[in-house]
Protein backbone atom coordinates (compact mmCIF):
# COMPACT_ATOMS: atom_id res chain seq x y z
CA MET A 1 -137.91 -44.20 -110.72
CA SER A 2 -140.76 -46.47 -111.73
CA PRO A 3 -141.25 -49.84 -109.95
CA PHE A 4 -140.42 -51.64 -113.22
CA LEU A 5 -137.13 -49.79 -113.65
CA PHE A 6 -136.32 -50.39 -109.98
CA ALA A 7 -136.86 -54.12 -110.48
CA ARG A 8 -134.66 -54.14 -113.62
CA LEU A 9 -131.78 -52.36 -111.90
CA SER A 10 -132.13 -54.53 -108.78
CA LEU A 11 -131.88 -57.68 -110.89
CA MET A 12 -128.74 -56.26 -112.52
CA VAL A 13 -127.08 -55.75 -109.11
CA PHE A 14 -128.33 -59.15 -107.88
CA LEU A 15 -126.72 -60.97 -110.82
CA HIS A 16 -123.53 -58.95 -110.63
CA TYR A 17 -122.89 -59.88 -107.01
CA PHE A 18 -124.16 -63.46 -107.44
CA VAL A 19 -121.25 -63.98 -109.83
CA TRP A 20 -118.70 -62.77 -107.26
CA GLY A 21 -120.22 -64.63 -104.32
CA ALA A 22 -120.30 -67.94 -106.24
CA TRP A 23 -116.51 -68.27 -106.33
CA TYR A 24 -114.95 -65.79 -103.91
CA SER A 25 -116.07 -67.01 -100.47
CA THR A 26 -114.95 -70.62 -100.90
CA MET A 27 -112.06 -70.29 -103.35
CA ASN A 28 -109.63 -70.77 -100.44
CA ILE A 29 -111.14 -74.23 -99.77
CA TYR A 30 -110.79 -75.23 -103.44
CA LEU A 31 -107.21 -73.94 -103.66
CA THR A 32 -105.97 -75.55 -100.43
CA LYS A 33 -107.95 -78.79 -100.35
CA THR A 34 -108.30 -79.68 -104.04
CA LEU A 35 -105.45 -77.93 -105.87
CA GLN A 36 -103.18 -77.99 -102.77
CA PHE A 37 -101.77 -74.53 -103.35
CA PRO A 38 -99.62 -73.26 -100.44
CA GLY A 39 -100.82 -70.36 -98.28
CA ALA A 40 -98.71 -67.69 -100.02
CA GLN A 41 -100.32 -68.59 -103.35
CA VAL A 42 -103.79 -68.51 -101.78
CA GLY A 43 -103.05 -65.00 -100.53
CA LEU A 44 -101.90 -63.89 -103.99
CA ALA A 45 -105.06 -65.37 -105.51
CA TYR A 46 -107.24 -63.29 -103.16
CA GLY A 47 -105.10 -60.26 -103.96
CA THR A 48 -106.30 -60.37 -107.57
CA THR A 49 -109.46 -58.45 -106.66
CA ALA A 50 -107.22 -55.72 -105.24
CA ILE A 51 -105.28 -55.65 -108.53
CA GLY A 52 -108.64 -55.40 -110.28
CA ALA A 53 -109.59 -52.46 -108.06
CA LEU A 54 -106.29 -50.74 -108.90
CA VAL A 55 -106.45 -51.28 -112.67
CA SER A 56 -110.19 -51.22 -113.46
CA PRO A 57 -110.57 -47.41 -113.09
CA PHE A 58 -108.56 -47.06 -116.29
CA LEU A 59 -110.94 -49.42 -118.07
CA ALA A 60 -114.14 -47.91 -116.71
CA GLY A 61 -112.86 -44.35 -116.64
CA ILE A 62 -111.44 -44.17 -120.16
CA ILE A 63 -113.54 -46.61 -122.20
CA ALA A 64 -116.94 -46.29 -120.53
CA ASP A 65 -116.82 -42.56 -120.09
CA LYS A 66 -115.72 -41.72 -123.61
CA PHE A 67 -116.59 -44.41 -126.13
CA PHE A 68 -119.27 -46.97 -125.15
CA ALA A 69 -122.68 -47.00 -123.60
CA THR A 70 -122.47 -48.30 -120.04
CA GLN A 71 -124.88 -51.20 -120.46
CA ARG A 72 -123.05 -52.48 -123.55
CA LEU A 73 -119.62 -52.41 -121.91
CA LEU A 74 -121.09 -54.14 -118.86
CA ALA A 75 -122.47 -56.86 -121.16
CA VAL A 76 -119.15 -57.33 -122.95
CA LEU A 77 -117.20 -57.54 -119.68
CA HIS A 78 -119.50 -60.17 -118.21
CA LEU A 79 -119.59 -62.23 -121.41
CA ILE A 80 -115.78 -62.19 -121.53
CA GLY A 81 -115.80 -62.94 -117.81
CA ALA A 82 -118.01 -65.99 -118.34
CA GLY A 83 -115.42 -67.45 -120.70
CA LEU A 84 -112.56 -66.62 -118.37
CA LEU A 85 -114.29 -68.17 -115.35
CA PHE A 86 -114.92 -71.41 -117.22
CA TYR A 87 -111.30 -71.44 -118.39
CA ILE A 88 -110.09 -70.84 -114.81
CA SER A 89 -112.18 -73.81 -113.65
CA THR A 90 -110.02 -76.09 -115.85
CA LEU A 91 -106.66 -74.88 -114.51
CA THR A 92 -104.64 -76.77 -111.93
CA THR A 93 -101.26 -74.99 -111.94
CA PHE A 94 -100.72 -71.66 -110.20
CA SER A 95 -98.52 -70.23 -112.92
CA VAL A 96 -101.50 -70.23 -115.29
CA PHE A 97 -104.32 -69.91 -112.75
CA TYR A 98 -102.99 -66.70 -111.24
CA PRO A 99 -102.62 -64.53 -114.36
CA ALA A 100 -105.97 -65.79 -115.69
CA LEU A 101 -107.65 -64.78 -112.43
CA ILE A 102 -105.97 -61.34 -112.58
CA ILE A 103 -107.37 -60.74 -116.06
CA TYR A 104 -110.82 -61.83 -114.92
CA THR A 105 -110.89 -59.70 -111.77
CA ILE A 106 -109.88 -56.60 -113.72
CA SER A 107 -112.92 -57.11 -115.97
CA TYR A 108 -115.19 -57.87 -113.02
CA MET A 109 -114.11 -54.99 -110.74
CA ALA A 110 -114.66 -52.58 -113.63
CA GLY A 111 -118.28 -53.74 -113.50
CA HIS A 112 -118.65 -52.34 -109.98
CA GLY A 113 -118.27 -48.80 -111.22
CA LEU A 114 -120.47 -49.48 -114.24
CA THR A 115 -123.39 -50.85 -112.19
CA ASN A 116 -123.07 -47.90 -109.81
CA SER A 117 -123.00 -45.27 -112.59
CA LEU A 118 -125.85 -46.93 -114.49
CA THR A 119 -128.04 -46.99 -111.37
CA LEU A 120 -127.20 -43.40 -110.47
CA HIS A 121 -127.85 -42.22 -114.04
CA HIS A 122 -131.42 -43.55 -113.96
CA SER A 123 -132.24 -42.53 -110.36
CA ASN A 124 -134.28 -39.35 -109.88
CA ASN A 125 -133.61 -39.51 -106.11
CA PRO A 126 -130.19 -41.20 -105.69
CA ALA A 127 -130.00 -40.69 -101.91
CA ARG A 128 -133.08 -42.88 -101.42
CA GLN A 129 -133.06 -45.17 -104.46
CA PHE A 130 -129.35 -46.05 -104.82
CA PRO A 131 -128.98 -47.81 -101.43
CA LEU A 132 -132.18 -49.80 -101.99
CA VAL A 133 -131.01 -51.00 -105.41
CA MET A 134 -127.54 -51.84 -104.04
CA MET A 135 -129.10 -53.95 -101.26
CA SER A 136 -129.91 -56.48 -103.98
CA GLY A 137 -126.19 -57.18 -104.08
CA SER A 138 -126.31 -58.66 -100.58
CA VAL A 139 -129.30 -60.79 -101.63
CA GLY A 140 -127.38 -61.99 -104.67
CA TRP A 141 -124.38 -62.95 -102.52
CA ILE A 142 -126.61 -64.82 -100.05
CA CYS A 143 -128.33 -66.76 -102.85
CA SER A 144 -125.01 -67.69 -104.42
CA GLY A 145 -123.77 -69.09 -101.11
CA LEU A 146 -126.92 -71.13 -100.64
CA VAL A 147 -126.64 -72.55 -104.17
CA VAL A 148 -122.93 -73.42 -103.72
CA SER A 149 -123.71 -75.32 -100.52
CA ALA A 150 -126.83 -76.97 -101.92
CA LEU A 151 -124.78 -78.29 -104.87
CA GLN A 152 -121.77 -79.04 -102.59
CA LEU A 153 -119.38 -77.00 -104.71
CA GLU A 154 -117.21 -75.56 -101.92
CA SER A 155 -114.11 -77.61 -102.74
CA SER A 156 -114.59 -78.12 -106.46
CA ALA A 157 -114.15 -76.19 -109.72
CA GLY A 158 -117.96 -76.23 -109.92
CA SER A 159 -118.09 -72.93 -108.03
CA PHE A 160 -116.23 -71.22 -110.88
CA ARG A 161 -118.55 -72.86 -113.41
CA LEU A 162 -121.59 -71.68 -111.48
CA ALA A 163 -120.11 -68.18 -111.57
CA ALA A 164 -119.46 -68.53 -115.30
CA THR A 165 -123.10 -69.48 -115.91
CA ALA A 166 -124.31 -66.50 -113.87
CA ALA A 167 -121.90 -64.21 -115.71
CA LEU A 168 -123.26 -65.42 -119.05
CA ILE A 169 -126.82 -64.65 -117.91
CA MET A 170 -125.69 -61.26 -116.57
CA GLY A 171 -123.97 -60.43 -119.85
CA LEU A 172 -127.04 -61.19 -121.92
CA TYR A 173 -129.33 -59.42 -119.47
CA SER A 174 -127.15 -56.30 -119.57
CA LEU A 175 -128.03 -55.85 -123.24
CA THR A 176 -131.64 -55.29 -122.19
CA LEU A 177 -130.85 -52.54 -119.64
CA PRO A 178 -131.79 -48.91 -120.25
CA HIS A 179 -129.53 -47.06 -122.63
CA THR A 180 -126.86 -45.14 -120.69
CA PRO A 181 -124.65 -43.09 -123.05
CA PRO A 182 -120.97 -42.33 -122.29
CA LYS A 183 -121.01 -39.28 -120.07
CA GLY A 184 -117.54 -38.08 -120.98
CA ALA A 185 -117.75 -38.21 -124.76
CA GLY A 186 -115.83 -35.35 -126.28
CA GLY A 187 -114.25 -34.35 -122.99
CA LYS A 188 -110.74 -34.82 -121.60
CA ILE A 189 -109.99 -37.46 -119.03
CA SER A 190 -106.63 -37.24 -117.27
CA LEU A 191 -104.66 -39.89 -115.44
CA ARG A 192 -104.74 -37.60 -112.41
CA THR A 193 -108.56 -37.63 -112.39
CA ILE A 194 -108.86 -41.40 -112.89
CA LEU A 195 -106.53 -42.13 -109.95
CA GLY A 196 -108.31 -39.65 -107.71
CA LEU A 197 -105.21 -37.49 -107.33
CA ASP A 198 -107.28 -34.32 -107.56
CA ALA A 199 -108.51 -35.20 -104.08
CA LEU A 200 -105.04 -35.09 -102.54
CA ILE A 201 -105.73 -31.50 -101.58
CA LEU A 202 -107.98 -32.92 -98.85
CA MET A 203 -104.92 -34.53 -97.22
CA ARG A 204 -103.95 -31.09 -95.95
CA ASP A 205 -106.67 -31.55 -93.35
CA ARG A 206 -105.45 -33.61 -90.42
CA SER A 207 -108.70 -35.51 -89.83
CA PHE A 208 -108.98 -36.52 -93.49
CA ALA A 209 -105.31 -37.56 -93.64
CA VAL A 210 -105.67 -39.70 -90.51
CA PHE A 211 -108.84 -41.23 -91.92
CA ILE A 212 -107.21 -42.17 -95.26
CA ILE A 213 -104.05 -43.57 -93.63
CA CYS A 214 -106.00 -45.62 -91.07
CA SER A 215 -108.44 -46.81 -93.75
CA PHE A 216 -105.47 -48.15 -95.69
CA LEU A 217 -103.94 -49.79 -92.64
CA VAL A 218 -107.13 -51.44 -91.40
CA CYS A 219 -107.60 -53.18 -94.75
CA ILE A 220 -104.42 -55.16 -94.03
CA PRO A 221 -105.76 -57.17 -91.04
CA LEU A 222 -109.32 -57.42 -92.38
CA SER A 223 -108.01 -59.20 -95.49
CA PHE A 224 -107.33 -62.23 -93.31
CA TYR A 225 -111.10 -62.82 -93.04
CA PHE A 226 -111.66 -62.98 -96.79
CA THR A 227 -108.55 -65.08 -97.40
CA TRP A 228 -108.93 -67.79 -94.76
CA THR A 229 -112.40 -68.04 -93.22
CA GLY A 230 -113.67 -70.75 -95.60
CA THR A 231 -110.57 -72.90 -95.06
CA PHE A 232 -110.77 -72.33 -91.29
CA MET A 233 -114.39 -73.47 -91.16
CA GLY A 234 -113.61 -76.56 -93.25
CA GLU A 235 -110.74 -77.62 -91.01
CA VAL A 236 -112.81 -77.32 -87.84
CA GLY A 237 -115.50 -79.53 -89.37
CA VAL A 238 -118.22 -77.10 -90.44
CA GLN A 239 -120.53 -78.35 -93.19
CA ASN A 240 -122.29 -76.28 -95.88
CA ILE A 241 -119.70 -73.52 -95.44
CA ALA A 242 -120.89 -71.20 -98.21
CA ALA A 243 -124.46 -71.18 -96.89
CA LYS A 244 -123.36 -70.51 -93.31
CA MET A 245 -121.08 -67.66 -94.38
CA THR A 246 -124.14 -65.87 -95.80
CA ILE A 247 -124.99 -65.04 -92.18
CA GLY A 248 -122.55 -62.18 -92.78
CA GLN A 249 -124.58 -60.79 -95.66
CA VAL A 250 -127.80 -61.00 -93.66
CA SER A 251 -126.16 -58.96 -90.91
CA ASP A 252 -124.90 -56.59 -93.63
CA VAL A 253 -128.49 -55.60 -94.34
CA VAL A 254 -129.37 -55.31 -90.63
CA PHE A 255 -126.41 -53.09 -89.66
CA LEU A 256 -126.85 -50.96 -92.77
CA LEU A 257 -130.40 -50.19 -91.64
CA LEU A 258 -129.11 -49.38 -88.14
CA LEU A 259 -126.47 -46.99 -89.42
CA PRO A 260 -128.79 -43.94 -89.78
CA LEU A 261 -130.01 -44.51 -86.19
CA LEU A 262 -126.52 -44.80 -84.67
CA LEU A 263 -124.80 -42.04 -86.62
CA PRO A 264 -126.47 -39.08 -84.82
CA ARG A 265 -125.57 -40.63 -81.45
CA LEU A 266 -122.04 -41.84 -82.12
CA GLY A 267 -120.88 -39.51 -84.89
CA VAL A 268 -118.46 -40.36 -87.69
CA LYS A 269 -115.59 -41.11 -85.29
CA GLY A 270 -117.71 -43.36 -83.09
CA ILE A 271 -119.01 -45.40 -86.02
CA LEU A 272 -115.54 -45.87 -87.51
CA VAL A 273 -114.03 -46.87 -84.16
CA LEU A 274 -116.95 -49.28 -83.60
CA GLY A 275 -116.19 -50.88 -86.96
CA MET A 276 -112.51 -51.39 -86.05
CA ILE A 277 -113.46 -52.84 -82.66
CA ALA A 278 -115.84 -55.21 -84.41
CA TRP A 279 -112.98 -56.57 -86.53
CA THR A 280 -110.87 -57.00 -83.41
CA LEU A 281 -113.68 -58.87 -81.64
CA ARG A 282 -114.32 -61.05 -84.70
CA PHE A 283 -110.70 -62.19 -84.92
CA LEU A 284 -110.52 -62.80 -81.17
CA LEU A 285 -113.64 -64.98 -81.37
CA PHE A 286 -112.07 -66.97 -84.22
CA SER A 287 -108.76 -67.26 -82.34
CA GLY A 288 -110.51 -68.51 -79.20
CA TYR A 289 -112.67 -71.01 -81.03
CA ASP A 290 -112.06 -74.64 -80.06
CA SER A 291 -113.81 -77.34 -82.06
CA GLN A 292 -113.23 -79.81 -79.23
CA ARG A 293 -115.77 -78.05 -77.04
CA ASP A 294 -119.18 -76.56 -77.69
CA ALA A 295 -118.07 -73.09 -78.83
CA SER A 296 -119.84 -72.86 -82.16
CA TRP A 297 -121.46 -69.62 -80.96
CA MET A 298 -118.05 -67.94 -81.16
CA LEU A 299 -117.67 -68.91 -84.79
CA TYR A 300 -121.15 -67.81 -85.87
CA LEU A 301 -121.04 -64.62 -83.81
CA GLY A 302 -117.80 -63.73 -85.54
CA ILE A 303 -119.45 -64.18 -88.93
CA ALA A 304 -122.57 -62.30 -87.82
CA LEU A 305 -120.42 -59.26 -87.00
CA HIS A 306 -119.77 -58.82 -90.72
CA GLY A 307 -122.36 -56.09 -91.15
CA MET A 308 -120.78 -53.97 -88.45
CA CYS A 309 -117.27 -54.80 -89.73
CA TYR A 310 -117.99 -53.91 -93.36
CA ASP A 311 -120.66 -51.19 -93.23
CA TYR A 312 -119.10 -49.21 -90.39
CA ILE A 313 -115.71 -49.12 -92.14
CA PHE A 314 -116.49 -48.95 -95.85
CA VAL A 315 -119.99 -47.48 -96.11
CA MET A 316 -119.34 -44.99 -93.32
CA GLY A 317 -116.00 -44.23 -94.93
CA ARG A 318 -117.62 -43.40 -98.27
CA MET A 319 -120.18 -41.22 -96.53
CA PHE A 320 -117.39 -39.35 -94.72
CA VAL A 321 -115.43 -38.81 -97.92
CA ASP A 322 -118.56 -37.55 -99.64
CA SER A 323 -119.17 -35.05 -96.85
CA ARG A 324 -115.63 -33.64 -96.99
CA ALA A 325 -115.27 -33.24 -100.77
CA ASN A 326 -116.92 -30.53 -102.80
CA VAL A 327 -118.82 -31.44 -105.95
CA GLN A 328 -115.80 -30.75 -108.21
CA ILE A 329 -113.57 -33.39 -106.54
CA ARG A 330 -116.18 -35.74 -105.07
CA GLY A 331 -115.62 -38.44 -107.70
CA ALA A 332 -111.86 -38.10 -107.33
CA ALA A 333 -112.12 -38.37 -103.56
CA GLN A 334 -114.14 -41.59 -103.78
CA GLY A 335 -111.60 -42.89 -106.27
CA LEU A 336 -108.76 -42.12 -103.86
CA HIS A 337 -110.59 -43.91 -101.02
CA ALA A 338 -111.21 -46.98 -103.17
CA PHE A 339 -107.57 -46.96 -104.39
CA VAL A 340 -106.07 -47.00 -100.87
CA THR A 341 -108.57 -49.49 -99.39
CA LEU A 342 -109.91 -51.99 -101.94
CA GLY A 343 -106.72 -51.63 -103.98
CA ALA A 344 -103.48 -51.03 -102.07
CA GLY A 345 -104.67 -52.03 -98.59
CA MET A 346 -106.36 -55.24 -99.69
CA PHE A 347 -103.39 -56.27 -101.90
CA ILE A 348 -100.88 -55.95 -99.05
CA GLY A 349 -103.35 -57.55 -96.63
CA THR A 350 -104.06 -60.63 -98.75
CA TRP A 351 -100.33 -61.10 -99.40
CA LEU A 352 -99.61 -60.92 -95.66
CA ALA A 353 -102.49 -63.23 -94.85
CA GLY A 354 -101.11 -65.78 -97.32
CA VAL A 355 -97.60 -65.61 -95.84
CA VAL A 356 -98.92 -65.92 -92.27
CA GLY A 357 -101.22 -68.79 -93.21
CA GLN A 358 -98.37 -70.68 -94.85
CA SER A 359 -96.09 -70.04 -91.85
CA TYR A 360 -98.59 -71.69 -89.48
CA ALA A 361 -99.44 -74.62 -91.77
CA LYS A 362 -98.32 -78.20 -91.38
CA GLU A 363 -98.96 -81.48 -93.13
CA VAL A 364 -101.19 -84.01 -91.40
CA GLY A 365 -101.02 -87.14 -93.50
CA THR A 366 -101.93 -86.05 -97.02
CA ALA A 367 -103.85 -82.94 -95.89
CA MET A 368 -102.82 -79.52 -94.56
CA SER A 369 -103.66 -78.23 -91.10
CA HIS A 370 -103.22 -74.75 -89.62
CA ASN A 371 -102.66 -73.22 -86.21
CA TRP A 372 -105.74 -71.02 -86.42
CA GLN A 373 -105.38 -69.55 -82.92
CA ALA A 374 -102.05 -68.01 -83.91
CA ILE A 375 -103.22 -66.97 -87.39
CA TRP A 376 -106.32 -65.09 -86.16
CA LEU A 377 -104.49 -63.49 -83.24
CA ILE A 378 -102.27 -61.49 -85.62
CA PRO A 379 -105.08 -59.51 -87.34
CA ALA A 380 -106.83 -59.18 -83.95
CA VAL A 381 -103.81 -57.34 -82.51
CA LEU A 382 -103.34 -55.23 -85.64
CA SER A 383 -106.97 -54.10 -85.85
CA GLY A 384 -107.13 -53.46 -82.10
CA ALA A 385 -104.02 -51.30 -82.22
CA LEU A 386 -105.46 -49.35 -85.16
CA ALA A 387 -108.71 -48.75 -83.27
CA VAL A 388 -106.75 -47.16 -80.44
CA LEU A 389 -104.53 -45.16 -82.80
CA PHE A 390 -107.51 -43.87 -84.76
CA ALA A 391 -109.46 -42.93 -81.63
CA LEU A 392 -106.47 -40.92 -80.36
CA LEU A 393 -105.58 -39.11 -83.60
CA PHE A 394 -108.87 -38.54 -85.41
CA ARG A 395 -110.57 -35.20 -84.69
CA ASP A 396 -113.64 -34.32 -86.69
CA ARG A 397 -117.00 -32.67 -86.24
CA THR A 398 -118.29 -33.27 -89.76
CA VAL A 399 -122.06 -33.67 -90.03
CA VAL A 400 -122.81 -36.40 -92.53
CA ASP A 401 -126.03 -36.09 -94.56
CA LYS A 402 -128.12 -39.19 -93.88
CA ALA A 403 -130.82 -38.49 -96.45
C-alpha cells in the first residue's frame, strides 16, 4: 500500500468514527438533562446501535456484495445519515426520536463493514496495514470529543448537528475513494451466511461455546458504561465531559499496542479474563467515587481502563474467532461473534441499564438525580461473576497469530 493510499483510507476511517463519537458519548446527557427522557428510554436509545448491528449485515451483505461498489454505497449511506442526524436534532418526543435513530443507526452500522472491506480490499499486507488504518478511528473519536467539549455541545442538539456535518463531509469524500467493486456479483448469498450460522459448527467445541456464551453475557454489564457514564460525570460536577472521556480512546491505542507483548505471556484465556476483571474494576471505581471528597483519580482511572476493557474483550475475541475458524467459515464466524456481542448482548445490556438507571433515579427540584453507587455496583457484580465463571469453564490452548 502506498503512503498516499494509506492516508486516504486513514482519513476515511477517521471521518467515519468522528461521526459516531460526536453524538454517542454524550447523548445520555442531552436526553436526560435537555429532553428529560426517563432512564428506560435512554437505555432504548443506546440500544439502537445494537439493532443496527443486528440488521445492517443484510444491508451490507446483500446490497454491497452483489449490486454496488463499496465506496458508492458508503457515500450514499453517509449522505442519507447526514439528513437523518439533522432531522433527529430537531426532535423532542421519544415516539419520533427513537424510530428515527433506529433508521440512522442501521445505515451507520452498515458502514462499519464497508470501511473494513474497503480497507482490506486495497491492503497488500492486511495483517500489518489494517490495524494501522483502523487506529485512525480512535483518533477520530478523540477529536470529536474535543470538538464537542470546545463548543460546549454535551447537553444540546448541537452534537447531532456536528455529527450531521461530519457525515456530509464523509459522504462526499467517499465518492473519491478507490473503486471497490461488489465482490459477490453473480454469486448466491444466503440468509444463513449473512447471519453467520455456518459457523455454528464451531459450537461443538466446548472452549468456543463457552467463549461465545460468555462474550454475549459480558456485553450486558459493559453496556452500562456506554449508557450512563456521560450522565454520571455531569451529575458529579465534571466539566468538558466529552473531552475527558477521550482518555478512554487514548488508552485504547496504548493497550492495543501492548496486546502483542502480553499475549505470549498470558495466552488467550489470560487476556480475556484480564479484560473482564478490568470491567469489574472500572465499575467498582465508579461505584466508590464520592464527589464530596478528593477521589477524582477513581473516576479518571475508570475511564483510562477503557483500552483494556475494550481491546482485551473485543479485539482479542475477534483474534480468537479468527484462529478457530477455517478460511471457508471465517467470515461467518466473525459475523456470529458480532451478532451475539454488538447485537444481542448490547441490546439486552442497554435495555437493562436503562431500567436500572430509572429505578435508581429521583427528582431533585426540576432535575433528576441518581444513586450512582447502586447503579454501578450491579454491572460490577455481573462482570466479576462472569470473570470467575469464564476462568473456571474455558479451556483452550489455541495459538493466535500475532502477525
